[in-house]
Protein backbone atom coordinates (compact mmCIF):
# COMPACT_ATOMS: atom_id res chain seq x y z
CA UNK A 1 39.42 -2.47 -62.67
CA UNK A 2 39.23 -3.28 -66.38
CA UNK A 3 41.81 -5.51 -68.03
CA UNK A 4 43.43 -4.88 -71.39
CA UNK A 5 41.02 -7.08 -73.41
CA UNK A 6 38.06 -5.17 -71.92
CA UNK A 7 39.59 -1.80 -72.80
CA UNK A 8 40.19 -3.08 -76.31
CA UNK A 9 36.51 -4.06 -76.53
CA UNK A 10 35.36 -0.62 -75.27
CA UNK A 11 37.57 1.21 -77.78
CA UNK A 12 36.43 -0.93 -80.73
CA UNK A 13 32.80 -0.35 -79.76
CA UNK A 14 33.34 3.42 -79.52
CA UNK A 15 35.10 3.48 -82.89
CA UNK A 16 32.35 1.52 -84.65
CA UNK A 17 29.32 3.16 -83.05
CA UNK A 18 30.34 6.81 -82.56
CA UNK A 19 33.75 7.95 -83.72
CA UNK A 20 34.06 6.64 -87.29
CA UNK A 21 30.44 7.53 -88.26
CA UNK A 22 30.89 11.08 -86.89
CA UNK A 23 34.19 11.65 -88.72
CA UNK A 24 32.75 10.23 -91.93
CA UNK A 25 29.43 12.10 -91.98
CA UNK A 26 30.10 15.52 -90.44
CA UNK A 27 32.71 18.22 -89.89
CA UNK A 28 34.03 17.70 -86.37
CA UNK A 29 35.36 20.80 -84.52
CA UNK A 30 39.11 20.44 -83.97
CA UNK A 31 40.92 22.69 -81.51
CA UNK A 32 44.66 23.27 -81.40
CA UNK A 33 45.55 24.09 -77.78
CA UNK A 34 48.74 25.86 -78.80
CA UNK A 35 50.08 28.51 -81.15
CA UNK A 36 48.51 29.68 -83.37
CA UNK A 37 45.47 29.65 -81.07
CA UNK A 38 41.97 29.64 -82.47
CA UNK A 39 39.11 28.66 -80.17
CA UNK A 40 36.34 29.99 -82.43
CA UNK A 41 34.91 26.57 -83.34
CA UNK A 42 33.83 25.99 -79.70
CA UNK A 43 32.54 27.96 -76.73
CA UNK A 44 35.39 29.61 -74.81
CA UNK A 45 35.93 32.24 -72.12
CA UNK A 46 38.85 33.85 -70.30
CA UNK A 47 39.64 32.71 -66.77
CA UNK A 48 42.75 34.84 -66.30
CA UNK A 49 43.87 37.79 -68.41
CA UNK A 50 47.56 37.54 -67.62
CA UNK A 51 50.32 35.42 -69.12
CA UNK A 52 51.59 32.50 -67.08
CA UNK A 53 55.24 32.70 -66.04
CA UNK A 54 57.52 30.32 -67.89
CA UNK A 55 58.65 27.49 -65.61
CA UNK A 56 61.89 25.56 -65.63
CA UNK A 57 61.85 21.86 -66.39
CA UNK A 58 60.81 19.71 -63.43
CA UNK A 59 62.52 16.37 -62.56
CA UNK A 60 59.36 14.32 -63.08
CA UNK A 61 57.14 12.97 -65.82
CA UNK A 62 55.92 16.49 -66.42
CA UNK A 63 57.75 19.13 -68.37
CA UNK A 64 56.33 22.00 -66.30
CA UNK A 65 53.82 22.39 -63.49
CA UNK A 66 51.86 25.41 -62.29
CA UNK A 67 50.46 24.16 -58.99
CA UNK A 68 48.66 27.37 -58.07
CA UNK A 69 46.64 27.35 -61.28
CA UNK A 70 46.46 23.51 -61.32
CA UNK A 71 47.98 23.36 -64.77
CA UNK A 72 50.51 20.94 -66.17
CA UNK A 73 52.41 20.38 -69.40
CA UNK A 74 53.54 17.01 -70.76
CA UNK A 75 56.66 16.09 -72.69
CA UNK A 76 54.72 14.35 -75.46
CA UNK A 77 51.85 15.72 -77.54
CA UNK A 78 48.45 14.17 -77.02
CA UNK A 79 44.90 14.65 -78.20
CA UNK A 80 41.43 13.74 -77.02
CA UNK A 81 38.36 12.84 -79.03
CA UNK A 82 35.13 13.45 -77.13
CA UNK A 83 32.43 11.22 -78.61
CA UNK A 84 29.73 11.45 -75.95
CA UNK A 85 28.87 14.22 -73.50
CA UNK A 86 30.66 17.48 -72.72
CA UNK A 87 34.21 18.27 -71.58
CA UNK A 88 35.60 21.48 -70.09
CA UNK A 89 39.32 22.10 -70.55
CA UNK A 90 41.66 24.84 -69.37
CA UNK A 91 44.52 26.00 -71.59
CA UNK A 92 47.35 28.19 -70.29
CA UNK A 93 49.49 30.57 -72.32
CA UNK A 94 52.94 31.52 -71.06
CA UNK A 95 54.91 34.65 -71.84
CA UNK A 96 57.39 32.60 -73.85
CA UNK A 97 54.62 30.98 -75.90
CA UNK A 98 53.09 34.37 -76.65
CA UNK A 99 56.43 35.68 -77.98
CA UNK A 100 56.88 32.62 -80.19
CA UNK A 101 53.33 32.66 -81.57
CA UNK A 102 53.10 33.33 -85.29
CA UNK A 103 49.99 35.46 -85.06
CA UNK A 104 49.13 39.05 -84.30
CA UNK A 105 46.23 38.12 -82.02
CA UNK A 106 47.27 36.18 -78.93
CA UNK A 107 44.90 35.13 -76.16
CA UNK A 108 46.29 35.76 -72.70
CA UNK A 109 46.52 33.87 -69.45
CA UNK A 110 44.16 30.93 -69.02
CA UNK A 111 41.31 30.16 -71.41
CA UNK A 112 38.52 27.65 -70.81
CA UNK A 113 36.98 25.77 -73.73
CA UNK A 114 33.87 23.61 -73.80
CA UNK A 115 33.81 20.59 -76.09
CA UNK A 116 30.43 19.13 -77.04
CA UNK A 117 30.69 15.71 -78.63
CA UNK A 118 31.88 15.11 -81.24
CA UNK A 119 34.96 17.32 -80.85
CA UNK A 120 38.74 16.97 -80.80
CA UNK A 121 41.40 18.88 -78.88
CA UNK A 122 45.14 18.57 -79.59
CA UNK A 123 47.77 19.58 -77.02
CA UNK A 124 51.32 20.08 -78.33
CA UNK A 125 54.15 19.20 -75.98
CA UNK A 126 54.75 21.84 -73.33
CA UNK A 127 51.32 23.51 -73.41
CA UNK A 128 49.80 24.05 -69.93
CA UNK A 129 46.45 22.33 -69.48
CA UNK A 130 44.12 21.18 -66.73
CA UNK A 131 45.96 18.67 -64.56
CA UNK A 132 42.89 16.77 -63.41
CA UNK A 133 43.51 17.14 -59.69
CA UNK A 134 39.87 18.21 -59.25
CA UNK A 135 36.79 18.66 -61.47
CA UNK A 136 36.77 22.03 -63.19
CA UNK A 137 34.02 24.48 -62.20
CA UNK A 138 33.74 28.21 -62.82
CA UNK A 139 31.37 30.62 -61.11
CA UNK A 140 29.88 31.76 -64.41
CA UNK A 141 30.06 28.42 -66.22
CA UNK A 142 29.08 25.31 -64.32
CA UNK A 143 31.57 22.52 -64.87
CA UNK A 144 30.57 19.63 -67.09
CA UNK A 145 31.96 16.13 -66.81
CA UNK A 146 33.03 13.95 -69.69
CA UNK A 147 30.76 11.06 -70.51
CA UNK A 148 33.07 9.17 -72.86
CA UNK A 149 36.28 10.06 -74.71
CA UNK A 150 39.46 8.61 -76.18
CA UNK A 151 42.78 10.20 -75.21
CA UNK A 152 45.91 9.39 -77.18
CA UNK A 153 49.44 10.24 -76.10
CA UNK A 154 52.02 10.19 -78.88
CA UNK A 155 55.63 8.98 -78.60
CA UNK A 156 58.29 8.44 -81.25
CA UNK A 157 57.24 4.90 -82.20
CA UNK A 158 54.03 4.19 -80.31
CA UNK A 159 50.78 5.62 -79.01
CA UNK A 160 49.10 5.23 -75.64
CA UNK A 161 45.32 4.99 -75.96
CA UNK A 162 43.21 5.71 -72.89
CA UNK A 163 39.45 5.20 -72.70
CA UNK A 164 37.65 7.41 -70.17
CA UNK A 165 34.09 7.27 -68.89
CA UNK A 166 31.91 9.11 -66.38
CA UNK A 167 33.75 12.15 -64.98
CA UNK A 168 37.07 13.70 -65.92
CA UNK A 169 38.82 12.17 -62.91
CA UNK A 170 38.26 8.72 -64.35
CA UNK A 171 40.57 9.72 -67.20
CA UNK A 172 43.53 9.75 -64.87
CA UNK A 173 42.63 6.48 -63.18
CA UNK A 174 41.81 4.57 -66.35
CA UNK A 175 44.16 2.01 -67.79
CA UNK A 176 45.67 2.45 -71.22
CA UNK A 177 46.76 0.30 -74.12
CA UNK A 178 50.27 0.85 -75.43
CA UNK A 179 50.29 0.20 -79.16
CA UNK A 180 53.69 -0.22 -80.80
CA UNK A 181 52.90 0.97 -84.30
CA UNK A 182 55.30 3.44 -85.90
CA UNK A 183 52.85 4.37 -88.66
CA UNK A 184 50.16 5.32 -86.14
CA UNK A 185 52.63 7.48 -84.23
CA UNK A 186 53.76 9.19 -87.44
CA UNK A 187 50.16 9.87 -88.47
CA UNK A 188 49.42 11.36 -85.05
CA UNK A 189 52.42 13.70 -85.34
CA UNK A 190 51.34 14.67 -88.86
CA UNK A 191 47.85 15.44 -87.55
CA UNK A 192 49.27 17.92 -85.03
CA UNK A 193 51.38 19.58 -87.71
CA UNK A 194 48.36 19.87 -90.00
CA UNK A 195 46.33 21.58 -87.28
CA UNK A 196 49.09 24.14 -86.74
CA UNK A 197 48.56 25.40 -90.30
CA UNK A 198 44.76 25.42 -90.21
CA UNK A 199 42.75 27.79 -88.05
CA UNK A 200 39.17 27.16 -89.04
CA UNK A 201 36.53 24.56 -88.36
CA UNK A 202 36.10 21.59 -90.63
CA UNK A 203 39.59 21.33 -92.11
CA UNK A 204 39.44 18.58 -94.70
CA UNK A 205 43.14 17.80 -94.36
CA UNK A 206 43.14 17.52 -90.58
CA UNK A 207 39.86 15.61 -90.45
CA UNK A 208 41.06 13.28 -93.17
CA UNK A 209 44.19 12.49 -91.18
CA UNK A 210 42.16 11.97 -88.02
CA UNK A 211 39.82 9.60 -89.84
CA UNK A 212 42.83 7.69 -91.17
CA UNK A 213 44.28 7.40 -87.64
CA UNK A 214 41.01 6.05 -86.24
CA UNK A 215 40.60 3.57 -89.10
CA UNK A 216 44.13 2.28 -88.65
CA UNK A 217 43.65 2.09 -84.88
CA UNK A 218 40.50 0.04 -85.40
CA UNK A 219 42.25 -2.29 -87.83
CA UNK A 220 45.15 -2.74 -85.44
CA UNK A 221 42.86 -3.56 -82.52
CA UNK A 222 40.75 -5.88 -84.66
CA UNK A 223 43.79 -7.79 -85.97
CA UNK A 224 45.41 -8.20 -82.53
CA UNK A 225 42.95 -10.03 -80.26
CA UNK A 226 45.64 -10.97 -77.75
CA UNK A 227 45.86 -8.89 -74.53
CA UNK A 228 47.80 -5.66 -74.94
CA UNK A 229 50.27 -4.07 -72.56
CA UNK A 230 48.07 -2.68 -69.78
CA UNK A 231 49.79 0.16 -67.95
CA UNK A 232 47.78 -0.59 -64.79
CA UNK A 233 48.82 2.62 -63.11
CA UNK A 234 46.99 5.82 -62.32
CA UNK A 235 49.44 8.03 -64.20
CA UNK A 236 48.94 6.43 -67.59
CA UNK A 237 48.07 9.58 -69.53
CA UNK A 238 48.53 12.77 -67.55
CA UNK A 239 50.30 12.56 -64.18
CA UNK A 240 48.62 14.34 -61.29
CA UNK A 241 50.16 17.51 -59.92
CA UNK A 242 48.80 17.20 -56.42
CA UNK A 243 50.33 18.41 -53.18
CA UNK A 244 52.25 15.21 -52.54
CA UNK A 245 55.60 15.00 -50.80
CA UNK A 246 58.79 14.55 -52.75
CA UNK A 247 59.27 11.25 -50.94
CA UNK A 248 56.05 9.88 -52.44
CA UNK A 249 57.14 11.02 -55.90
CA UNK A 250 60.45 9.21 -55.46
CA UNK A 251 58.72 6.03 -54.31
CA UNK A 252 56.42 6.10 -57.33
CA UNK A 253 59.41 6.61 -59.63
CA UNK A 254 61.29 3.72 -58.02
CA UNK A 255 58.33 1.39 -58.45
CA UNK A 256 58.20 2.21 -62.15
CA UNK A 257 61.95 1.74 -62.52
CA UNK A 258 61.85 -1.65 -60.76
CA UNK A 259 58.94 -2.76 -62.92
CA UNK A 260 60.79 -1.74 -66.09
CA UNK A 261 63.98 -3.54 -64.99
CA UNK A 262 62.14 -6.78 -64.24
CA UNK A 263 60.41 -6.75 -67.64
CA UNK A 264 63.51 -5.80 -69.67
CA UNK A 265 66.15 -7.70 -67.71
CA UNK A 266 67.58 -9.40 -70.80
CA UNK A 267 67.96 -6.07 -72.64
CA UNK A 268 70.80 -3.59 -72.42
CA UNK A 269 70.04 -1.37 -69.41
CA UNK A 270 71.90 1.83 -68.56
CA UNK A 271 71.08 4.63 -66.16
CA UNK A 272 70.60 7.03 -69.09
CA UNK A 273 68.24 4.64 -70.86
CA UNK A 274 66.19 4.21 -67.69
CA UNK A 275 66.07 7.98 -67.19
CA UNK A 276 64.86 8.51 -70.76
CA UNK A 277 62.14 5.88 -70.30
CA UNK A 278 60.98 7.49 -67.05
CA UNK A 279 61.16 11.04 -68.41
CA UNK A 280 63.64 12.29 -65.80
CA UNK A 281 67.32 13.24 -65.72
CA UNK A 282 69.93 10.52 -64.96
CA UNK A 283 71.09 12.51 -61.91
CA UNK A 284 67.58 12.73 -60.45
CA UNK A 285 66.92 9.03 -61.15
CA UNK A 286 70.15 7.94 -59.46
CA UNK A 287 69.59 10.19 -56.45
CA UNK A 288 65.93 9.18 -55.99
CA UNK A 289 66.57 5.46 -56.40
CA UNK A 290 69.47 5.45 -53.94
CA UNK A 291 67.46 7.51 -51.47
CA UNK A 292 64.57 5.01 -51.45
CA UNK A 293 66.31 1.64 -51.92
CA UNK A 294 69.72 2.29 -50.40
CA UNK A 295 71.57 0.98 -53.48
CA UNK A 296 72.38 2.38 -56.89
CA UNK A 297 70.28 1.64 -59.97
CA UNK A 298 72.95 -0.43 -61.71
CA UNK A 299 73.69 -2.34 -58.51
CA UNK A 300 70.03 -3.28 -58.38
CA UNK A 301 70.13 -4.37 -62.04
CA UNK A 302 73.14 -6.60 -61.30
CA UNK A 303 71.37 -8.05 -58.26
CA UNK A 304 68.24 -8.95 -60.23
CA UNK A 305 70.30 -10.48 -63.04
CA UNK A 306 72.24 -12.69 -60.65
CA UNK A 307 69.00 -13.77 -58.95
CA UNK A 308 67.51 -14.68 -62.33
CA UNK A 309 70.66 -16.57 -63.32
CA UNK A 310 70.63 -18.54 -60.05
CA UNK A 311 67.03 -19.53 -60.64
CA UNK A 312 67.76 -20.69 -64.18
CA UNK A 313 70.90 -22.57 -63.12
CA UNK A 314 69.03 -24.50 -60.44
CA UNK A 315 65.83 -25.15 -62.37
CA UNK A 316 66.87 -26.11 -65.91
CA UNK A 317 69.62 -27.59 -68.05
CA UNK A 318 70.15 -24.60 -70.33
CA UNK A 319 73.65 -23.92 -71.51
CA UNK A 320 75.59 -21.36 -69.51
CA UNK A 321 75.92 -19.13 -72.56
CA UNK A 322 72.12 -19.12 -73.05
CA UNK A 323 71.53 -18.29 -69.40
CA UNK A 324 74.04 -15.44 -69.67
CA UNK A 325 72.13 -13.97 -72.62
CA UNK A 326 68.75 -14.36 -70.88
CA UNK A 327 70.14 -12.62 -67.82
CA UNK A 328 71.26 -9.65 -69.92
CA UNK A 329 75.01 -10.27 -70.26
CA UNK A 330 76.81 -9.61 -73.53
CA UNK A 331 79.06 -12.67 -73.27
CA UNK A 332 79.80 -15.63 -71.03
CA UNK A 333 83.04 -14.12 -69.74
CA UNK A 334 81.36 -11.05 -68.25
CA UNK A 335 78.59 -13.23 -66.87
CA UNK A 336 81.00 -15.66 -65.20
CA UNK A 337 83.04 -12.83 -63.68
CA UNK A 338 79.98 -11.00 -62.35
CA UNK A 339 78.38 -14.20 -61.06
CA UNK A 340 81.51 -15.29 -59.19
CA UNK A 341 81.86 -11.84 -57.66
CA UNK A 342 78.30 -11.82 -56.31
CA UNK A 343 77.66 -15.54 -55.65
CA UNK A 344 81.15 -16.56 -54.52
CA UNK A 345 81.43 -19.38 -57.04
CA UNK A 346 81.32 -19.96 -60.78
CA UNK A 347 78.04 -20.72 -62.59
CA UNK A 348 79.12 -24.36 -63.08
CA UNK A 349 79.94 -24.78 -59.41
CA UNK A 350 76.61 -23.24 -58.41
CA UNK A 351 74.78 -25.62 -60.72
CA UNK A 352 76.58 -28.67 -59.30
CA UNK A 353 75.63 -27.63 -55.76
CA UNK A 354 72.03 -26.52 -56.21
CA UNK A 355 70.66 -28.03 -59.45
CA UNK A 356 67.27 -29.73 -59.02
CA UNK A 357 67.53 -32.81 -61.21
CA UNK A 358 66.62 -36.45 -61.16
CA UNK A 359 69.57 -38.85 -60.44
CA UNK A 360 69.76 -39.98 -64.08
CA UNK A 361 70.00 -36.40 -65.36
CA UNK A 362 72.63 -35.57 -62.74
CA UNK A 363 74.85 -38.47 -63.87
CA UNK A 364 74.45 -37.50 -67.51
CA UNK A 365 75.29 -33.90 -66.69
CA UNK A 366 78.38 -34.99 -64.68
CA UNK A 367 79.67 -37.08 -67.62
CA UNK A 368 79.12 -34.17 -70.01
CA UNK A 369 80.91 -31.75 -67.65
CA UNK A 370 83.90 -34.10 -67.36
CA UNK A 371 84.10 -34.35 -71.13
CA UNK A 372 84.03 -30.57 -71.41
């Protein structure tokens, strides 16, 4: 299981040895997996000559899921740059997408495309694509596996870079680096918009933007040698759409919520904010969390904050106001009221009972408390 510094090393090596030289020296085929469709730069064939039905939004990380066809659609746009080997991808076209397409010629159903390195494919948000639950293989076209590729998911102010090796399944089990760089995210969005206006191979504008993104990514990785945020979960880029029970999905969601709460305990946390971070509705988050843990989300947040405050009160001599801020409370009054409600005593009383200090520090603290 690679750690964040190793992933950073792999990505820098790929950028220096393969990606940047290819983008600089040659026209790299770039496929837009959404309207207006144009798969002419690469090999493609039809798997199903019938539009997919439009699906309602699912209460999960995915926007839509077509389990029968093993297709999924994400909430955020993402793109992959294949720099070694061959990748097969499936792209679905729904009835709604066909109506909204600004072109007279619309491919139908499910189309397969084959990407020989170097090649790039960009998926706008909501476009059905291969979910990765099993390697793709067609009776007339033997499935190829990806040797090496970079996959980048785009959010409003950050990108999630995933390095994949070997087969396509490793993409979904690989760890990713979350890079908080607004400029990189803006460039990635601009790249998708540029592709939507260009329908031929070797677009100078799109390739120029892509080269700029990769150069900035390299500079960012080179200038930040410290370990990055490693997602360390198997759903880092594209969540699986396997035949798992709803209970397992709820448990996975709760684990992610608990992890987020523990990391951001000092920040302002609301049910809506948590739901937005998890990509689900507040109602679904509340229902799933209560079903698994037996308590509400905000009750759990309060519980963790009080536990953290107790630990700080017993282990250090920080001021009560500082402990309140570190525990995520807006002011000392709300902290004291919440603490007394859950612990049965005030923060000062708890500290007097359970503080771990040397005798000299205890006497000094007692004199200071009496003066206060």
